[in-house]
Amino acid sequence: MSSGTSFKPKVSITHIGTATAILEIDGVRFLTDPFFSPAGTTWDVGITILKNTEDPALRLDQLPPIDAVLLSHEDHPDNLDELGLGMKPWDTVERRIGGKVFRITATPCQHLPGGECIGFLVSSDDFGIGPNNLPNATYFTGDTVFIDELTKIADRFHVPIAMMNLGFAHVQLPDMNTPLQITMDGKQAARLFREIKADHLVPMHYDKSWGHFTQFEEGLAKDFKDEGVDDKVKWLKPGVPVEII
């Protein structure tokens, strides 16, 4: 893994809950997977009933001004309807956000069967070039398990910051004997981190507020130590900006 010293912007992340965070890059604020429902809210998603047991660290009325939203799911009714802007894996769009030009590249995910989910690589000319002579980009995995296709990121970008949705989530499908894994555990996260040659690993999406999550901070920390990446991990604090770079 490279040093990441070529990455020019100042980046902080404020974790709100689950996969929801404010990613602030030189004053431009991206909101990931907005989820602000109070504790006790339930959803029938067809194959299972989901219920959260904790309030978000920040309410909607406590948010600072947000410049853009990065939404990995559009097929969950609590996220976005079908009129939103969709992207397919490896699609790239260029947008002027907060007065600066950013390129957003979608990355593949493997989540629920038949569902649609992507991750994001956020890049800009202002980010500079990585030590591998590739453009720097901040990576948000979205909900996914490890898949080989994600290793292609290392052929396209240098990743100073990898925000990873973890929790080792499982759901029971009616046609399966055992629960299906739908997000990474710490060992898979460490493998992906190494494969894409990232600099900093930022764990998210491992709250104890969801019944289908099975690995939390203690288990993740053990996996990261066992895999030799614990010194690269940046843990977030609920509702508090944490400077990453």
Protein backbone atom coordinates (compact mmCIF):
# COMPACT_ATOMS: atom_id res chain seq x y z
CA MET A 1 0.00 0.00 0.00
CA SER A 2 1.25 3.42 -0.92
CA SER A 3 1.72 6.43 1.29
CA GLY A 4 -1.11 8.56 -0.09
CA THR A 5 1.00 11.72 0.28
CA SER A 6 0.07 12.81 -3.25
CA PHE A 7 -3.59 13.27 -2.29
CA LYS A 8 -4.15 17.02 -2.04
CA PRO A 9 -7.58 17.67 -0.45
CA LYS A 10 -8.48 17.79 3.22
CA VAL A 11 -11.08 15.11 3.98
CA SER A 12 -13.28 14.53 7.03
CA ILE A 13 -16.11 12.07 7.56
CA THR A 14 -19.03 12.43 9.99
CA HIS A 15 -20.80 9.14 10.65
CA ILE A 16 -24.56 9.48 11.18
CA GLY A 17 -25.50 5.81 11.28
CA THR A 18 -25.31 2.57 9.25
CA ALA A 19 -24.10 3.69 5.77
CA THR A 20 -25.05 7.33 6.26
CA ALA A 21 -22.15 9.76 6.55
CA ILE A 22 -21.10 13.25 5.53
CA LEU A 23 -17.99 13.00 3.36
CA GLU A 24 -16.47 16.48 3.30
CA ILE A 25 -13.77 17.14 0.71
CA ASP A 26 -12.27 20.64 0.86
CA GLY A 27 -15.57 22.07 2.07
CA VAL A 28 -17.79 20.20 -0.40
CA ARG A 29 -20.17 17.87 1.43
CA PHE A 30 -21.41 14.56 0.04
CA LEU A 31 -24.09 12.64 1.97
CA THR A 32 -23.93 8.86 1.57
CA ASP A 33 -27.05 6.65 1.66
CA PRO A 34 -29.31 9.00 3.67
CA PHE A 35 -31.18 7.19 6.45
CA PHE A 36 -32.75 9.23 9.24
CA SER A 37 -35.65 7.13 10.51
CA PRO A 38 -36.01 6.98 14.31
CA ALA A 39 -35.40 3.90 16.41
CA GLY A 40 -38.16 1.32 16.19
CA THR A 41 -38.99 1.91 12.53
CA THR A 42 -39.74 -1.29 10.56
CA TRP A 43 -39.80 -2.13 6.84
CA ASP A 44 -41.23 -5.13 5.05
CA VAL A 45 -38.82 -5.69 2.14
CA GLY A 46 -40.55 -8.85 0.98
CA ILE A 47 -38.00 -11.43 2.02
CA THR A 48 -37.65 -10.18 5.60
CA ILE A 49 -38.72 -7.51 8.08
CA LEU A 50 -36.03 -4.95 8.86
CA LYS A 51 -36.07 -2.93 12.08
CA ASN A 52 -33.62 -0.39 13.43
CA THR A 53 -33.19 0.05 17.17
CA GLU A 54 -31.10 3.24 17.37
CA ASP A 55 -31.70 6.86 16.42
CA PRO A 56 -29.33 8.49 13.92
CA ALA A 57 -26.50 10.49 15.46
CA LEU A 58 -27.79 13.59 13.65
CA ARG A 59 -31.35 14.47 12.67
CA LEU A 60 -32.17 15.95 9.28
CA ASP A 61 -32.61 19.39 10.84
CA GLN A 62 -29.11 19.15 12.33
CA LEU A 63 -27.32 18.61 9.03
CA PRO A 64 -25.04 21.26 7.57
CA PRO A 65 -25.72 22.27 3.95
CA ILE A 66 -25.28 19.21 1.70
CA ASP A 67 -23.95 19.62 -1.86
CA ALA A 68 -24.66 16.14 -3.27
CA VAL A 69 -26.00 12.71 -2.31
CA LEU A 70 -24.30 9.41 -3.15
CA LEU A 71 -27.04 6.77 -3.16
CA SER A 72 -25.98 3.15 -3.55
CA HIS A 73 -29.50 1.67 -3.42
CA GLU A 74 -32.49 2.82 -5.44
CA ASP A 75 -34.59 -0.32 -5.10
CA HIS A 76 -35.35 0.13 -1.41
CA PRO A 77 -38.50 2.25 -0.93
CA ASP A 78 -36.93 4.22 1.92
CA ASN A 79 -34.08 5.45 -0.31
CA LEU A 80 -35.28 6.83 -3.64
CA ASP A 81 -38.03 6.32 -6.19
CA GLU A 82 -37.53 5.17 -9.77
CA LEU A 83 -37.22 8.71 -11.15
CA GLY A 84 -33.76 9.23 -9.67
CA LEU A 85 -30.51 9.28 -11.64
CA GLY A 86 -29.20 5.74 -12.01
CA MET A 87 -25.73 4.49 -12.93
CA LYS A 88 -24.41 1.11 -14.02
CA PRO A 89 -21.06 -0.29 -12.81
CA TRP A 90 -18.09 1.63 -14.27
CA ASP A 91 -20.31 4.42 -15.62
CA THR A 92 -18.79 7.86 -14.96
CA VAL A 93 -20.59 11.19 -14.75
CA GLU A 94 -19.00 14.62 -14.36
CA ARG A 95 -20.76 17.21 -12.23
CA ARG A 96 -19.98 20.66 -10.87
CA ILE A 97 -20.66 20.35 -7.15
CA GLY A 98 -20.07 23.12 -4.66
CA GLY A 99 -18.25 25.12 -7.32
CA LYS A 100 -15.81 22.29 -8.13
CA VAL A 101 -15.80 19.67 -10.87
CA PHE A 102 -16.03 16.06 -9.69
CA ARG A 103 -16.20 12.77 -11.55
CA ILE A 104 -18.35 10.05 -10.02
CA THR A 105 -17.65 6.48 -11.16
CA ALA A 106 -20.02 3.67 -10.19
CA THR A 107 -18.52 0.41 -8.91
CA PRO A 108 -20.13 -3.05 -8.92
CA CYS A 109 -21.75 -4.59 -5.85
CA GLN A 110 -23.12 -8.02 -5.00
CA HIS A 111 -25.89 -7.62 -2.44
CA LEU A 112 -29.42 -9.05 -2.49
CA PRO A 113 -30.32 -11.28 -5.47
CA GLY A 114 -32.14 -9.27 -8.10
CA GLY A 115 -31.45 -6.00 -6.32
CA GLU A 116 -29.60 -3.01 -7.67
CA CYS A 117 -26.68 -1.59 -5.74
CA ILE A 118 -23.50 0.26 -6.64
CA GLY A 119 -20.57 1.87 -4.92
CA PHE A 120 -18.83 5.10 -5.89
CA LEU A 121 -15.39 6.44 -6.69
CA VAL A 122 -15.22 10.23 -6.31
CA SER A 123 -12.37 11.86 -8.22
CA SER A 124 -11.32 15.30 -9.40
CA ASP A 125 -8.39 16.94 -11.13
CA ASP A 126 -7.85 18.78 -7.84
CA PHE A 127 -7.09 15.45 -6.11
CA GLY A 128 -3.79 15.01 -7.92
CA ILE A 129 -2.16 11.84 -9.25
CA GLY A 130 -1.32 8.85 -7.07
CA PRO A 131 2.11 7.20 -6.77
CA ASN A 132 0.93 4.59 -9.30
CA ASN A 133 0.44 7.43 -11.83
CA LEU A 134 -3.33 6.98 -11.66
CA PRO A 135 -5.91 9.56 -10.53
CA ASN A 136 -6.68 9.71 -6.82
CA ALA A 137 -10.24 8.82 -5.80
CA THR A 138 -12.21 8.36 -2.60
CA TYR A 139 -14.06 5.03 -2.61
CA PHE A 140 -17.43 4.24 -0.99
CA THR A 141 -18.15 0.53 -1.39
CA GLY A 142 -21.91 0.51 -1.02
CA ASP A 143 -23.40 -2.74 0.27
CA THR A 144 -21.44 -5.65 -1.15
CA VAL A 145 -19.48 -8.77 -0.41
CA PHE A 146 -16.01 -9.18 -1.86
CA ILE A 147 -16.13 -9.84 -5.60
CA ASP A 148 -13.18 -10.19 -7.94
CA GLU A 149 -14.41 -7.43 -10.24
CA LEU A 150 -13.69 -4.85 -7.55
CA THR A 151 -9.97 -5.54 -7.84
CA LYS A 152 -10.11 -3.69 -11.18
CA ILE A 153 -10.27 -0.46 -9.18
CA ALA A 154 -6.50 -0.73 -8.73
CA ASP A 155 -6.08 -0.61 -12.53
CA ARG A 156 -7.99 2.67 -12.79
CA PHE A 157 -7.42 4.67 -9.61
CA HIS A 158 -5.25 5.21 -6.58
CA VAL A 159 -7.50 5.07 -3.50
CA PRO A 160 -6.29 7.14 -0.53
CA ILE A 161 -9.59 6.55 1.35
CA ALA A 162 -11.83 3.47 1.23
CA MET A 163 -15.16 3.82 3.07
CA MET A 164 -16.37 0.24 3.53
CA ASN A 165 -19.87 -1.00 4.39
CA LEU A 166 -19.33 -3.98 6.67
CA GLY A 167 -21.36 -5.71 9.41
CA PHE A 168 -21.26 -9.23 7.89
CA ALA A 169 -24.99 -8.86 7.24
CA HIS A 170 -27.07 -11.94 6.41
CA VAL A 171 -30.67 -12.49 5.32
CA GLN A 172 -32.66 -15.70 5.13
CA LEU A 173 -34.10 -16.30 1.67
CA PRO A 174 -37.02 -18.70 1.24
CA ASP A 175 -35.21 -20.93 -1.26
CA MET A 176 -31.98 -21.24 0.75
CA ASN A 177 -31.14 -23.49 3.70
CA THR A 178 -28.72 -21.05 5.29
CA PRO A 179 -28.71 -17.24 5.52
CA LEU A 180 -27.14 -15.37 2.61
CA GLN A 181 -24.19 -13.07 3.32
CA ILE A 182 -24.83 -9.62 1.80
CA THR A 183 -22.05 -7.40 3.21
CA MET A 184 -18.38 -7.93 4.02
CA ASP A 185 -16.79 -9.02 7.25
CA GLY A 186 -13.45 -7.67 8.42
CA LYS A 187 -11.40 -10.29 6.61
CA GLN A 188 -13.08 -9.61 3.27
CA ALA A 189 -12.68 -5.88 3.85
CA ALA A 190 -8.97 -6.32 4.53
CA ARG A 191 -8.60 -8.39 1.37
CA LEU A 192 -10.34 -5.78 -0.76
CA PHE A 193 -8.30 -3.04 0.90
CA ARG A 194 -5.08 -4.80 -0.05
CA GLU A 195 -6.24 -5.71 -3.56
CA ILE A 196 -7.09 -2.11 -4.46
CA LYS A 197 -3.89 -0.85 -2.77
CA ALA A 198 -5.75 1.72 -0.66
CA ASP A 199 -4.16 3.87 2.04
CA HIS A 200 -6.86 4.31 4.71
CA LEU A 201 -9.73 1.95 5.59
CA VAL A 202 -12.83 3.60 7.07
CA PRO A 203 -15.32 1.05 8.49
CA MET A 204 -19.05 1.84 8.34
CA HIS A 205 -22.36 -0.08 8.37
CA TYR A 206 -21.70 -2.29 11.42
CA ASP A 207 -24.13 -0.79 13.96
CA LYS A 208 -25.72 -3.03 16.57
CA SER A 209 -29.05 -1.42 15.65
CA TRP A 210 -29.85 -3.98 12.93
CA GLY A 211 -30.72 -7.61 13.60
CA HIS A 212 -29.27 -8.88 10.32
CA PHE A 213 -25.79 -7.52 11.12
CA THR A 214 -23.56 -10.14 12.75
CA GLN A 215 -20.14 -8.51 13.18
CA PHE A 216 -19.50 -5.34 15.13
CA GLU A 217 -16.53 -3.17 16.11
CA GLU A 218 -14.90 -5.74 18.38
CA GLY A 219 -14.95 -8.47 15.74
CA LEU A 220 -13.87 -6.11 13.00
CA ALA A 221 -10.95 -4.84 15.06
CA LYS A 222 -9.79 -8.43 15.63
CA ASP A 223 -10.04 -9.26 11.93
CA PHE A 224 -8.12 -6.11 10.98
CA LYS A 225 -5.36 -6.96 13.46
CA ASP A 226 -5.21 -10.57 12.29
CA GLU A 227 -4.98 -9.38 8.68
CA GLY A 228 -2.26 -6.83 9.45
CA VAL A 229 -4.19 -3.72 8.39
CA ASP A 230 -5.18 -2.36 11.81
CA ASP A 231 -2.68 0.50 11.54
CA LYS A 232 -4.47 1.68 8.37
CA VAL A 233 -7.95 1.85 9.94
CA LYS A 234 -9.68 5.16 10.70
CA TRP A 235 -12.60 4.60 13.09
CA LEU A 236 -15.47 7.08 12.94
CA LYS A 237 -17.39 8.63 15.85
CA PRO A 238 -21.18 9.12 15.76
CA GLY A 239 -22.11 12.67 14.80
CA VAL A 240 -18.54 14.00 15.05
CA PRO A 241 -16.32 14.94 12.08
CA VAL A 242 -13.19 12.77 11.96
CA GLU A 243 -10.29 14.07 9.88
CA ILE A 244 -9.05 11.29 7.62
CA ILE A 245 -6.39 13.16 5.65
